[in-house]
C-alpha cells in the first residue's frame, strides 16, 4: 500500500490534491493499492472511490509529532510500503520521525530546502537542478528534477490539433481562492482590451465567485466565466494566450505551448514563475498584491505583440509522462 499525505481547501488551493490524485491513479493502474490521508471527504470524487482503498480526512494540524502519530498508526494497520508527502507544513522533524521507523518517502518540493531524510526529492520547477540543493552531496536521496516530471491530468493529454484564435485569452488562477487576481484581471486587461475574448476558469470552491459574476455581468461583455468546466482541453486548444498563477497551470500552458502572463498568488510560486519567464515562456509580473493595472496592461500588450517570439521558445520538455516516471521510481523502491 502506498500512502499519500496531502491537504486541500479553498485557502491553500487544490493543486496538491490534484497532482497526488493523478500520481495515485497511475500507481493504481500499475497494480499497487493506494490510500489518501488528509483532505476532506467533500473533495473525494466518484473516481476516487474506485481508486483509493482508504481515504482518511484529518481535520486539524497541531504539530509534526501529532500528525506523524496519526500517520504511523494508519500506516502500520494497513502494512504500508511507501509514503508520498505533499504538504508545506511537513518539516525536518516530521521527516526525521518517519525515517526513524525506516519508512521510505517521496517529498514534493517547491523550494530548495528539502530534508536529508527522504528517499526521493521531487521538484518539477523548470529551474530545479541538483546543484541548488546545498546538501546534495550529503544525501543518498534520488533527485527527480525539472519539467519532465510534471504531473498532468489524463484529460489534458488528449489534445487535438491546435486551432487557437488570435484574440482568445484563457485565465485561470487555480481551483481555490484566486486571491483577488481575477478581479485585477477584469479591471485592467479585460477592460483595456475589449476586442479580446477572455475565458475565465474558476473552481467551485473559490469564495470570490459571486463577486466575479456580478462584476462581469455589469461591465464585461468580452468575458465568459466558467466554473469547473468539463471541456478544459478544448479551452486550452482554442486559446492563444494565458493569464495564470505560478502553480500547476503553468505546466499545462507549457504543454499546450501557450505564452503566459504569470502572477504569483502564493510566495512558493515565485521561483517557478521566474523560471518560466527566464525560459521565454512568457512574463512574470510579480506577487498578486504588488501588480499594478498599468504594469499588467503593458505586459499583456508586450505578450500579444511578441506572440511569435514566445511560441518559438517552447522546446517540448513536457511530454505528459512525468507521472509515469515518478510512479516507476516509487515502485522500484518498494520491490
C-alpha atoms as a PDB file:
ATOM      1  CA  UNK A   1       0.000   0.000   0.000  1.00  0.00           C
ATOM      2  CA  UNK A   2       1.322   3.423  -0.990  1.00  0.00           C
ATOM      3  CA  UNK A   3       0.032   6.255   1.199  1.00  0.00           C
ATOM      4  CA  UNK A   4      -0.425   9.902   0.150  1.00  0.00           C
ATOM      5  CA  UNK A   5      -0.372  12.646   2.808  1.00  0.00           C
ATOM      6  CA  UNK A   6      -1.570  15.986   1.493  1.00  0.00           C
ATOM      7  CA  UNK A   7      -4.210  18.656   2.104  1.00  0.00           C
ATOM      8  CA  UNK A   8      -6.661  20.805   0.161  1.00  0.00           C
ATOM      9  CA  UNK A   9      -9.107  23.637   0.778  1.00  0.00           C
ATOM     10  CA  UNK A  10     -10.170  26.934  -0.778  1.00  0.00           C
ATOM     11  CA  UNK A  11      -7.381  28.786   1.025  1.00  0.00           C
ATOM     12  CA  UNK A  12      -4.344  26.700   0.048  1.00  0.00           C
ATOM     13  CA  UNK A  13      -5.899  25.518  -3.206  1.00  0.00           C
ATOM     14  CA  UNK A  14      -6.291  22.095  -4.790  1.00  0.00           C
ATOM     15  CA  UNK A  15      -3.062  21.701  -6.728  1.00  0.00           C
ATOM     16  CA  UNK A  16      -1.532  19.383  -4.114  1.00  0.00           C
ATOM     17  CA  UNK A  17      -4.555  17.098  -4.150  1.00  0.00           C
ATOM     18  CA  UNK A  18      -4.756  17.145  -7.937  1.00  0.00           C
ATOM     19  CA  UNK A  19      -1.184  16.021  -8.525  1.00  0.00           C
ATOM     20  CA  UNK A  20      -1.354  13.419  -5.747  1.00  0.00           C
ATOM     21  CA  UNK A  21      -4.582  12.112  -7.228  1.00  0.00           C
ATOM     22  CA  UNK A  22      -3.086  11.816 -10.722  1.00  0.00           C
ATOM     23  CA  UNK A  23       0.036  10.085  -9.408  1.00  0.00           C
ATOM     24  CA  UNK A  24      -2.077   7.727  -7.269  1.00  0.00           C
ATOM     25  CA  UNK A  25      -4.230   6.807 -10.274  1.00  0.00           C
ATOM     26  CA  UNK A  26      -1.061   5.974 -12.196  1.00  0.00           C
ATOM     27  CA  UNK A  27       0.300   3.805  -9.378  1.00  0.00           C
ATOM     28  CA  UNK A  28      -3.047   2.030  -9.041  1.00  0.00           C
ATOM     29  CA  UNK A  29      -3.043   1.339 -12.785  1.00  0.00           C
ATOM     30  CA  UNK A  30       0.382  -0.266 -12.326  1.00  0.00           C
ATOM     31  CA  UNK A  31      -1.097  -2.702  -9.854  1.00  0.00           C
ATOM     32  CA  UNK A  32      -0.473  -1.196  -6.399  1.00  0.00           C
ATOM     33  CA  UNK A  33      -3.085  -0.172  -3.810  1.00  0.00           C
ATOM     34  CA  UNK A  34      -3.170   3.479  -2.698  1.00  0.00           C
ATOM     35  CA  UNK A  35      -4.574   5.414   0.253  1.00  0.00           C
ATOM     36  CA  UNK A  36      -5.202   9.130   0.810  1.00  0.00           C
ATOM     37  CA  UNK A  37      -4.780  10.863   4.170  1.00  0.00           C
ATOM     38  CA  UNK A  38      -5.643  14.489   4.873  1.00  0.00           C
ATOM     39  CA  UNK A  39      -8.230  16.039   2.514  1.00  0.00           C
ATOM     40  CA  UNK A  40     -11.876  16.321   3.496  1.00  0.00           C
ATOM     41  CA  UNK A  41     -14.366  13.800   2.128  1.00  0.00           C
ATOM     42  CA  UNK A  42     -16.009  16.798   0.410  1.00  0.00           C
ATOM     43  CA  UNK A  43     -13.232  16.630  -2.171  1.00  0.00           C
ATOM     44  CA  UNK A  44     -13.489  12.904  -2.822  1.00  0.00           C
ATOM     45  CA  UNK A  45     -14.843  12.133  -6.304  1.00  0.00           C
ATOM     46  CA  UNK A  46     -16.663   9.129  -7.753  1.00  0.00           C
ATOM     47  CA  UNK A  47     -13.438   8.156  -9.498  1.00  0.00           C
ATOM     48  CA  UNK A  48     -11.592   8.332  -6.172  1.00  0.00           C
ATOM     49  CA  UNK A  49     -13.982   5.720  -4.784  1.00  0.00           C
ATOM     50  CA  UNK A  50     -12.734   3.296  -7.423  1.00  0.00           C
ATOM     51  CA  UNK A  51      -9.031   4.060  -6.945  1.00  0.00           C
ATOM     52  CA  UNK A  52      -8.304   4.694  -3.255  1.00  0.00           C
ATOM     53  CA  UNK A  53      -8.699   1.763  -0.893  1.00  0.00           C
ATOM     54  CA  UNK A  54      -8.798   4.207   2.029  1.00  0.00           C
ATOM     55  CA  UNK A  55      -9.494   7.947   2.300  1.00  0.00           C
ATOM     56  CA  UNK A  56      -8.896   9.288   5.805  1.00  0.00           C
ATOM     57  CA  UNK A  57      -9.608  13.006   6.419  1.00  0.00           C
ATOM     58  CA  UNK A  58      -7.604  14.869   9.062  1.00  0.00           C
ATOM     59  CA  UNK A  59      -9.499  17.847  10.461  1.00  0.00           C
ATOM     60  CA  UNK A  60      -6.681  19.789  12.106  1.00  0.00           C
ATOM     61  CA  UNK A  61      -2.910  20.024  12.342  1.00  0.00           C
ATOM     62  CA  UNK A  62      -1.340  20.514  15.760  1.00  0.00           C
ATOM     63  CA  UNK A  63       2.313  19.773  15.116  1.00  0.00           C
ATOM     64  CA  UNK A  64       4.632  17.298  13.400  1.00  0.00           C
ATOM     65  CA  UNK A  65       4.601  14.857  16.311  1.00  0.00           C
ATOM     66  CA  UNK A  66       0.809  14.650  16.420  1.00  0.00           C
ATOM     67  CA  UNK A  67       0.430  14.287  12.655  1.00  0.00           C
ATOM     68  CA  UNK A  68       3.117  11.625  12.302  1.00  0.00           C
ATOM     69  CA  UNK A  69       1.499   9.693  15.153  1.00  0.00           C
ATOM     70  CA  UNK A  70      -1.774   9.549  13.233  1.00  0.00           C
ATOM     71  CA  UNK A  71       0.020   8.688  10.020  1.00  0.00           C
ATOM     72  CA  UNK A  72       2.152   5.961  11.573  1.00  0.00           C
ATOM     73  CA  UNK A  73      -0.818   4.302  13.300  1.00  0.00           C
ATOM     74  CA  UNK A  74      -2.647   4.055   9.995  1.00  0.00           C
ATOM     75  CA  UNK A  75       0.486   3.030   8.080  1.00  0.00           C
ATOM     76  CA  UNK A  76       1.104   0.094  10.424  1.00  0.00           C
ATOM     77  CA  UNK A  77      -2.521  -1.068  10.308  1.00  0.00           C
ATOM     78  CA  UNK A  78      -2.518  -1.341   6.520  1.00  0.00           C
ATOM     79  CA  UNK A  79       1.044  -2.672   6.201  1.00  0.00           C
ATOM     80  CA  UNK A  80       2.167   0.374   4.239  1.00  0.00           C
ATOM     81  CA  UNK A  81       5.163   0.271   1.918  1.00  0.00           C
ATOM     82  CA  UNK A  82       5.796   3.925   0.995  1.00  0.00           C
ATOM     83  CA  UNK A  83       4.559   7.453   1.790  1.00  0.00           C
ATOM     84  CA  UNK A  84       4.202  10.345  -0.650  1.00  0.00           C
ATOM     85  CA  UNK A  85       4.320  13.705   1.165  1.00  0.00           C
ATOM     86  CA  UNK A  86       2.843  16.819  -0.443  1.00  0.00           C
ATOM     87  CA  UNK A  87       2.179  19.339   2.298  1.00  0.00           C
ATOM     88  CA  UNK A  88       4.157  22.514   3.045  1.00  0.00           C
ATOM     89  CA  UNK A  89       3.675  22.027   6.787  1.00  0.00           C
ATOM     90  CA  UNK A  90       5.915  18.963   6.727  1.00  0.00           C
ATOM     91  CA  UNK A  91       9.312  19.876   8.183  1.00  0.00           C
ATOM     92  CA  UNK A  92      12.599  18.186   9.099  1.00  0.00           C
ATOM     93  CA  UNK A  93      11.207  16.967  12.428  1.00  0.00           C
ATOM     94  CA  UNK A  94       8.349  15.260  10.604  1.00  0.00           C
ATOM     95  CA  UNK A  95      10.696  13.549   8.156  1.00  0.00           C
ATOM     96  CA  UNK A  96      13.150  12.533  10.860  1.00  0.00           C
ATOM     97  CA  UNK A  97      10.367  10.744  12.726  1.00  0.00           C
ATOM     98  CA  UNK A  98       9.345   8.793   9.636  1.00  0.00           C
ATOM     99  CA  UNK A  99      12.945   7.914   8.854  1.00  0.00           C
ATOM    100  CA  UNK A 100      13.466   6.633  12.424  1.00  0.00           C
ATOM    101  CA  UNK A 101      10.862   3.976  11.630  1.00  0.00           C
ATOM    102  CA  UNK A 102      12.608   3.056   8.391  1.00  0.00           C
ATOM    103  CA  UNK A 103       9.796   4.372   6.213  1.00  0.00           C
ATOM    104  CA  UNK A 104      10.569   5.187   2.589  1.00  0.00           C
ATOM    105  CA  UNK A 105       9.273   8.558   1.394  1.00  0.00           C
ATOM    106  CA  UNK A 106       8.966  10.962  -1.515  1.00  0.00           C
ATOM    107  CA  UNK A 107       8.650  14.669  -0.782  1.00  0.00           C
ATOM    108  CA  UNK A 108       7.240  17.233  -3.183  1.00  0.00           C
ATOM    109  CA  UNK A 109       9.339  20.401  -3.097  1.00  0.00           C
ATOM    110  CA  UNK A 110       8.671  23.971  -4.217  1.00  0.00           C
ATOM    111  CA  UNK A 111      11.995  25.290  -2.924  1.00  0.00           C
ATOM    112  CA  UNK A 112      15.496  24.011  -2.350  1.00  0.00           C
ATOM    113  CA  UNK A 113      15.342  23.319   1.390  1.00  0.00           C
ATOM    114  CA  UNK A 114      14.397  19.655   1.424  1.00  0.00           C
ATOM    115  CA  UNK A 115      15.433  17.381   4.255  1.00  0.00           C
ATOM    116  CA  UNK A 116      18.201  14.807   4.001  1.00  0.00           C
ATOM    117  CA  UNK A 117      15.844  12.175   5.336  1.00  0.00           C
ATOM    118  CA  UNK A 118      13.834  11.280   2.242  1.00  0.00           C
ATOM    119  CA  UNK A 119      14.359   8.732  -0.499  1.00  0.00           C
ATOM    120  CA  UNK A 120      13.009  10.749  -3.408  1.00  0.00           C
ATOM    121  CA  UNK A 121      13.019  14.544  -3.782  1.00  0.00           C
ATOM    122  CA  UNK A 122      10.595  15.783  -6.441  1.00  0.00           C
ATOM    123  CA  UNK A 123      10.767  19.335  -7.762  1.00  0.00           C
ATOM    124  CA  UNK A 124       9.150  19.879 -11.155  1.00  0.00           C
ATOM    125  CA  UNK A 125      10.140  23.535 -11.490  1.00  0.00           C
ATOM    126  CA  UNK A 126      11.981  24.187 -14.765  1.00  0.00           C
ATOM    127  CA  UNK A 127      14.620  25.936 -12.625  1.00  0.00           C
ATOM    128  CA  UNK A 128      15.303  22.891 -10.444  1.00  0.00           C
ATOM    129  CA  UNK A 129      18.847  21.480 -10.554  1.00  0.00           C
ATOM    130  CA  UNK A 130      20.701  19.288  -8.090  1.00  0.00           C
ATOM    131  CA  UNK A 131      23.349  21.990  -7.573  1.00  0.00           C
ATOM    132  CA  UNK A 132      20.752  24.290  -5.998  1.00  0.00           C
ATOM    133  CA  UNK A 133      20.353  21.881  -3.084  1.00  0.00           C
ATOM    134  CA  UNK A 134      23.138  22.806  -0.699  1.00  0.00           C
ATOM    135  CA  UNK A 135      23.181  19.320   0.833  1.00  0.00           C
ATOM    136  CA  UNK A 136      23.075  17.375  -2.443  1.00  0.00           C
ATOM    137  CA  UNK A 137      26.461  15.747  -1.808  1.00  0.00           C
ATOM    138  CA  UNK A 138      25.444  14.681   1.710  1.00  0.00           C
ATOM    139  CA  UNK A 139      22.390  12.614   0.890  1.00  0.00           C
ATOM    140  CA  UNK A 140      21.638   9.343  -0.855  1.00  0.00           C
ATOM    141  CA  UNK A 141      18.244  10.657  -1.927  1.00  0.00           C
ATOM    142  CA  UNK A 142      17.425  10.437  -5.602  1.00  0.00           C
ATOM    143  CA  UNK A 143      16.510  13.773  -7.179  1.00  0.00           C
ATOM    144  CA  UNK A 144      13.608  13.933  -9.627  1.00  0.00           C
ATOM    145  CA  UNK A 145      14.030  17.428 -11.002  1.00  0.00           C
ATOM    146  CA  UNK A 146      12.676  19.532 -13.815  1.00  0.00           C
ATOM    147  CA  UNK A 147       9.627  19.830 -16.018  1.00  0.00           C
ATOM    148  CA  UNK A 148       9.959  16.315 -17.432  1.00  0.00           C
ATOM    149  CA  UNK A 149       8.460  15.158 -14.108  1.00  0.00           C
ATOM    150  CA  UNK A 150       5.464  17.497 -14.413  1.00  0.00           C
ATOM    151  CA  UNK A 151       2.215  15.755 -13.455  1.00  0.00           C
ATOM    152  CA  UNK A 152      -0.597  16.397 -15.927  1.00  0.00           C
ATOM    153  CA  UNK A 153      -4.172  15.171 -15.793  1.00  0.00           C
ATOM    154  CA  UNK A 154      -5.035  12.464 -18.318  1.00  0.00           C
ATOM    155  CA  UNK A 155      -7.763  14.517 -19.962  1.00  0.00           C
ATOM    156  CA  UNK A 156      -5.235  17.206 -20.874  1.00  0.00           C
ATOM    157  CA  UNK A 157      -3.051  14.746 -22.748  1.00  0.00           C
ATOM    158  CA  UNK A 158      -5.752  14.026 -25.316  1.00  0.00           C
ATOM    159  CA  UNK A 159      -5.287  17.354 -27.031  1.00  0.00           C
ATOM    160  CA  UNK A 160      -6.479  17.845 -30.567  1.00  0.00           C
ATOM    161  CA  UNK A 161      -4.681  19.749 -33.274  1.00  0.00           C
ATOM    162  CA  UNK A 162      -4.419  23.292 -32.001  1.00  0.00           C
ATOM    163  CA  UNK A 163      -6.796  25.753 -33.599  1.00  0.00           C
ATOM    164  CA  UNK A 164      -6.101  28.759 -31.408  1.00  0.00           C
ATOM    165  CA  UNK A 165      -7.801  32.054 -32.110  1.00  0.00           C
ATOM    166  CA  UNK A 166      -5.563  35.125 -32.080  1.00  0.00           C
ATOM    167  CA  UNK A 167      -7.840  37.148 -29.821  1.00  0.00           C
ATOM    168  CA  UNK A 168      -8.758  34.483 -27.284  1.00  0.00           C
ATOM    169  CA  UNK A 169      -7.232  34.521 -23.781  1.00  0.00           C
ATOM    170  CA  UNK A 170      -7.561  31.845 -21.105  1.00  0.00           C
ATOM    171  CA  UNK A 171      -7.463  32.988 -17.468  1.00  0.00           C
ATOM    172  CA  UNK A 172      -7.035  30.580 -14.557  1.00  0.00           C
ATOM    173  CA  UNK A 173      -5.732  31.017 -11.014  1.00  0.00           C
ATOM    174  CA  UNK A 174      -6.344  27.518  -9.682  1.00  0.00           C
ATOM    175  CA  UNK A 175      -9.276  25.769  -8.061  1.00  0.00           C
ATOM    176  CA  UNK A 176      -9.296  27.575  -4.712  1.00  0.00           C
ATOM    177  CA  UNK A 177      -9.241  31.255  -3.846  1.00  0.00           C
ATOM    178  CA  UNK A 178      -7.816  33.396  -6.649  1.00  0.00           C
ATOM    179  CA  UNK A 179      -6.581  35.902  -4.014  1.00  0.00           C
ATOM    180  CA  UNK A 180      -8.060  38.810  -5.986  1.00  0.00           C
ATOM    181  CA  UNK A 181      -6.144  38.030  -9.174  1.00  0.00           C
ATOM    182  CA  UNK A 182      -9.241  37.581 -11.341  1.00  0.00           C
ATOM    183  CA  UNK A 183     -10.723  40.885 -10.201  1.00  0.00           C
ATOM    184  CA  UNK A 184      -7.395  42.537 -11.037  1.00  0.00           C
ATOM    185  CA  UNK A 185      -7.502  40.927 -14.485  1.00  0.00           C
ATOM    186  CA  UNK A 186     -11.067  42.132 -15.084  1.00  0.00           C
ATOM    187  CA  UNK A 187     -10.368  45.714 -14.016  1.00  0.00           C
ATOM    188  CA  UNK A 188      -7.189  46.056 -16.058  1.00  0.00           C
ATOM    189  CA  UNK A 189      -6.562  43.814 -19.060  1.00  0.00           C
ATOM    190  CA  UNK A 190     -10.153  42.755 -19.810  1.00  0.00           C
ATOM    191  CA  UNK A 191     -11.327  46.342 -19.569  1.00  0.00           C
ATOM    192  CA  UNK A 192      -8.447  47.787 -21.612  1.00  0.00           C
ATOM    193  CA  UNK A 193      -8.598  45.227 -24.444  1.00  0.00           C
ATOM    194  CA  UNK A 194     -12.314  44.967 -25.408  1.00  0.00           C
ATOM    195  CA  UNK A 195     -11.508  43.278 -28.731  1.00  0.00           C
ATOM    196  CA  UNK A 196     -10.013  40.278 -26.960  1.00  0.00           C
ATOM    197  CA  UNK A 197     -12.227  37.498 -25.616  1.00  0.00           C
ATOM    198  CA  UNK A 198     -11.383  36.240 -22.136  1.00  0.00           C
ATOM    199  CA  UNK A 199     -12.449  32.853 -20.820  1.00  0.00           C
ATOM    200  CA  UNK A 200     -12.015  32.677 -17.055  1.00  0.00           C
ATOM    201  CA  UNK A 201     -11.859  29.284 -15.346  1.00  0.00           C
ATOM    202  CA  UNK A 202     -12.670  29.353 -11.652  1.00  0.00           C
ATOM    203  CA  UNK A 203     -13.028  26.493  -9.183  1.00  0.00           C
ATOM    204  CA  UNK A 204     -16.349  25.915  -7.462  1.00  0.00           C
ATOM    205  CA  UNK A 205     -14.611  26.443  -4.102  1.00  0.00           C
ATOM    206  CA  UNK A 206     -13.351  29.944  -4.992  1.00  0.00           C
ATOM    207  CA  UNK A 207     -15.013  32.212  -2.378  1.00  0.00           C
ATOM    208  CA  UNK A 208     -14.922  35.136  -4.843  1.00  0.00           C
ATOM    209  CA  UNK A 209     -17.176  33.566  -7.489  1.00  0.00           C
ATOM    210  CA  UNK A 210     -20.331  35.543  -6.684  1.00  0.00           C
ATOM    211  CA  UNK A 211     -18.443  38.840  -6.720  1.00  0.00           C
ATOM    212  CA  UNK A 212     -16.853  37.936 -10.051  1.00  0.00           C
ATOM    213  CA  UNK A 213     -20.230  37.087 -11.574  1.00  0.00           C
ATOM    214  CA  UNK A 214     -21.544  40.497 -10.514  1.00  0.00           C
ATOM    215  CA  UNK A 215     -18.562  42.402 -11.926  1.00  0.00           C
ATOM    216  CA  UNK A 216     -18.734  40.556 -15.249  1.00  0.00           C
ATOM    217  CA  UNK A 217     -22.498  40.982 -15.615  1.00  0.00           C
ATOM    218  CA  UNK A 218     -22.262  44.729 -15.066  1.00  0.00           C
ATOM    219  CA  UNK A 219     -19.356  45.688 -17.304  1.00  0.00           C
ATOM    220  CA  UNK A 220     -17.635  42.914 -19.277  1.00  0.00           C
ATOM    221  CA  UNK A 221     -19.284  41.640 -22.438  1.00  0.00           C
ATOM    222  CA  UNK A 222     -15.967  40.169 -23.634  1.00  0.00           C
ATOM    223  CA  UNK A 223     -15.617  37.814 -20.648  1.00  0.00           C
ATOM    224  CA  UNK A 224     -17.013  34.341 -20.086  1.00  0.00           C
ATOM    225  CA  UNK A 225     -16.750  32.951 -16.544  1.00  0.00           C
ATOM    226  CA  UNK A 226     -16.756  29.146 -16.362  1.00  0.00           C
ATOM    227  CA  UNK A 227     -16.823  27.357 -13.014  1.00  0.00           C
ATOM    228  CA  UNK A 228     -15.346  23.844 -13.051  1.00  0.00           C
ATOM    229  CA  UNK A 229     -15.806  23.389 -16.818  1.00  0.00           C
ATOM    230  CA  UNK A 230     -15.581  19.887 -18.262  1.00  0.00           C
ATOM    231  CA  UNK A 231     -14.021  20.953 -21.580  1.00  0.00           C
ATOM    232  CA  UNK A 232     -10.660  22.223 -20.309  1.00  0.00           C
ATOM    233  CA  UNK A 233      -8.573  20.634 -23.122  1.00  0.00           C
ATOM    234  CA  UNK A 234     -10.763  22.418 -25.667  1.00  0.00           C
ATOM    235  CA  UNK A 235     -10.338  25.735 -23.846  1.00  0.00           C
ATOM    236  CA  UNK A 236      -6.560  25.334 -23.924  1.00  0.00           C
ATOM    237  CA  UNK A 237      -6.549  24.351 -27.597  1.00  0.00           C
ATOM    238  CA  UNK A 238      -8.502  27.381 -28.747  1.00  0.00           C
ATOM    239  CA  UNK A 239      -6.515  29.954 -26.699  1.00  0.00           C
ATOM    240  CA  UNK A 240      -3.518  31.922 -27.915  1.00  0.00           C
ATOM    241  CA  UNK A 241      -2.555  33.446 -24.562  1.00  0.00           C
ATOM    242  CA  UNK A 242      -2.937  32.589 -20.907  1.00  0.00           C
ATOM    243  CA  UNK A 243      -3.031  34.617 -17.697  1.00  0.00           C
ATOM    244  CA  UNK A 244      -2.382  32.366 -14.731  1.00  0.00           C
ATOM    245  CA  UNK A 245      -0.903  31.771 -11.299  1.00  0.00           C
ATOM    246  CA  UNK A 246       2.559  30.284 -10.921  1.00  0.00           C
ATOM    247  CA  UNK A 247       1.477  26.773  -9.929  1.00  0.00           C
ATOM    248  CA  UNK A 248       0.422  23.679 -11.834  1.00  0.00           C
ATOM    249  CA  UNK A 249      -1.416  25.531 -14.587  1.00  0.00           C
ATOM    250  CA  UNK A 250       1.918  26.831 -15.912  1.00  0.00           C
ATOM    251  CA  UNK A 251       2.851  23.259 -16.863  1.00  0.00           C
ATOM    252  CA  UNK A 252      -0.483  22.839 -18.608  1.00  0.00           C
ATOM    253  CA  UNK A 253       0.014  26.053 -20.582  1.00  0.00           C
ATOM    254  CA  UNK A 254       3.551  24.980 -21.491  1.00  0.00           C
ATOM    255  CA  UNK A 255       2.278  21.584 -22.647  1.00  0.00           C
ATOM    256  CA  UNK A 256      -0.119  23.396 -24.983  1.00  0.00           C
ATOM    257  CA  UNK A 257       2.619  25.893 -25.935  1.00  0.00           C
ATOM    258  CA  UNK A 258       0.600  28.930 -24.852  1.00  0.00           C
ATOM    259  CA  UNK A 259       2.562  32.103 -23.944  1.00  0.00           C
ATOM    260  CA  UNK A 260       1.791  33.179 -20.375  1.00  0.00           C
ATOM    261  CA  UNK A 261       1.444  36.152 -18.103  1.00  0.00           C
ATOM    262  CA  UNK A 262       2.180  34.753 -14.637  1.00  0.00           C
ATOM    263  CA  UNK A 263       1.126  36.287 -11.317  1.00  0.00           C
ATOM    264  CA  UNK A 264       2.154  34.550  -8.104  1.00  0.00           C
ATOM    265  CA  UNK A 265      -0.772  34.038  -5.735  1.00  0.00           C
ATOM    266  CA  UNK A 266       1.496  32.355  -3.161  1.00  0.00           C
ATOM    267  CA  UNK A 267       5.094  33.095  -2.229  1.00  0.00           C
ATOM    268  CA  UNK A 268       6.053  29.497  -3.013  1.00  0.00           C
ATOM    269  CA  UNK A 269       5.202  30.120  -6.667  1.00  0.00           C
ATOM    270  CA  UNK A 270       7.782  32.866  -7.133  1.00  0.00           C
ATOM    271  CA  UNK A 271      10.846  30.789  -8.069  1.00  0.00           C
ATOM    272  CA  UNK A 272       8.909  28.693 -10.542  1.00  0.00           C
ATOM    273  CA  UNK A 273       7.266  31.770 -12.067  1.00  0.00           C
ATOM    274  CA  UNK A 274      10.641  33.426 -12.568  1.00  0.00           C
ATOM    275  CA  UNK A 275      11.967  30.243 -14.162  1.00  0.00           C
ATOM    276  CA  UNK A 276       9.238  30.193 -16.800  1.00  0.00           C
ATOM    277  CA  UNK A 277       9.937  33.840 -17.553  1.00  0.00           C
ATOM    278  CA  UNK A 278      13.678  33.184 -17.865  1.00  0.00           C
ATOM    279  CA  UNK A 279      12.951  30.343 -20.290  1.00  0.00           C
ATOM    280  CA  UNK A 280      10.952  32.673 -22.510  1.00  0.00           C
ATOM    281  CA  UNK A 281       7.562  31.071 -21.852  1.00  0.00           C
ATOM    282  CA  UNK A 282       6.035  34.439 -21.014  1.00  0.00           C
ATOM    283  CA  UNK A 283       6.308  37.238 -18.472  1.00  0.00           C
ATOM    284  CA  UNK A 284       6.304  37.006 -14.700  1.00  0.00           C
ATOM    285  CA  UNK A 285       4.637  40.122 -13.249  1.00  0.00           C
ATOM    286  CA  UNK A 286       5.212  39.517  -9.534  1.00  0.00           C
ATOM    287  CA  UNK A 287       3.109  38.691  -6.447  1.00  0.00           C
ATOM    288  CA  UNK A 288      -0.582  39.488  -6.879  1.00  0.00           C
ATOM    289  CA  UNK A 289      -0.608  42.224  -4.227  1.00  0.00           C
ATOM    290  CA  UNK A 290       2.218  44.093  -5.986  1.00  0.00           C
ATOM    291  CA  UNK A 291       0.973  44.062  -9.581  1.00  0.00           C
ATOM    292  CA  UNK A 292      -0.440  47.372 -10.789  1.00  0.00           C
ATOM    293  CA  UNK A 293      -3.020  47.767 -13.552  1.00  0.00           C
ATOM    294  CA  UNK A 294      -0.510  49.759 -15.597  1.00  0.00           C
ATOM    295  CA  UNK A 295       2.103  47.012 -15.355  1.00  0.00           C
ATOM    296  CA  UNK A 296      -0.494  44.365 -16.174  1.00  0.00           C
ATOM    297  CA  UNK A 297      -1.726  46.209 -19.263  1.00  0.00           C
ATOM    298  CA  UNK A 298       1.793  46.915 -20.512  1.00  0.00           C
ATOM    299  CA  UNK A 299       2.899  43.308 -20.073  1.00  0.00           C
ATOM    300  CA  UNK A 300      -0.157  41.973 -21.874  1.00  0.00           C
ATOM    301  CA  UNK A 301       0.491  44.351 -24.766  1.00  0.00           C
ATOM    302  CA  UNK A 302       4.076  43.081 -24.970  1.00  0.00           C
ATOM    303  CA  UNK A 303       2.862  39.468 -24.863  1.00  0.00           C
ATOM    304  CA  UNK A 304       0.437  39.830 -27.758  1.00  0.00           C
ATOM    305  CA  UNK A 305       2.922  41.898 -29.755  1.00  0.00           C
ATOM    306  CA  UNK A 306       5.703  39.312 -29.386  1.00  0.00           C
ATOM    307  CA  UNK A 307       3.496  36.238 -29.746  1.00  0.00           C
ATOM    308  CA  UNK A 308       5.648  34.530 -32.376  1.00  0.00           C
ATOM    309  CA  UNK A 309       8.792  35.005 -30.260  1.00  0.00           C
ATOM    310  CA  UNK A 310       7.278  33.190 -27.292  1.00  0.00           C
ATOM    311  CA  UNK A 311       5.926  30.338 -29.423  1.00  0.00           C
ATOM    312  CA  UNK A 312       9.462  29.635 -30.667  1.00  0.00           C
ATOM    313  CA  UNK A 313      10.731  29.256 -27.100  1.00  0.00           C
ATOM    314  CA  UNK A 314       8.774  26.115 -26.263  1.00  0.00           C
ATOM    315  CA  UNK A 315      11.002  23.070 -26.532  1.00  0.00           C
ATOM    316  CA  UNK A 316       8.518  20.281 -25.790  1.00  0.00           C
ATOM    317  CA  UNK A 317      10.157  19.330 -22.479  1.00  0.00           C
ATOM    318  CA  UNK A 318       6.737  18.414 -21.046  1.00  0.00           C
ATOM    319  CA  UNK A 319       5.541  15.212 -22.668  1.00  0.00           C
ATOM    320  CA  UNK A 320       2.858  14.115 -20.198  1.00  0.00           C
ATOM    321  CA  UNK A 321       4.877  11.140 -18.934  1.00  0.00           C
ATOM    322  CA  UNK A 322       6.081  12.751 -15.693  1.00  0.00           C
ATOM    323  CA  UNK A 323       3.600  10.808 -13.576  1.00  0.00           C
ATOM    324  CA  UNK A 324       4.785   7.525 -15.099  1.00  0.00           C
ATOM    325  CA  UNK A 325       8.436   8.339 -14.398  1.00  0.00           C
ATOM    326  CA  UNK A 326       7.657   9.168 -10.764  1.00  0.00           C
ATOM    327  CA  UNK A 327       5.483   6.082 -10.274  1.00  0.00           C
ATOM    328  CA  UNK A 328       8.247   3.864 -11.651  1.00  0.00           C
ATOM    329  CA  UNK A 329      10.754   5.357  -9.195  1.00  0.00           C
ATOM    330  CA  UNK A 330       8.425   4.681  -6.259  1.00  0.00           C
ATOM    331  CA  UNK A 331       7.615   1.136  -7.308  1.00  0.00           C
ATOM    332  CA  UNK A 332      11.291   0.369  -7.807  1.00  0.00           C
ATOM    333  CA  UNK A 333      11.979   1.374  -4.191  1.00  0.00           C
ATOM    334  CA  UNK A 334       9.319  -0.900  -2.698  1.00  0.00           C
ATOM    335  CA  UNK A 335      10.465  -4.031  -4.516  1.00  0.00           C
END
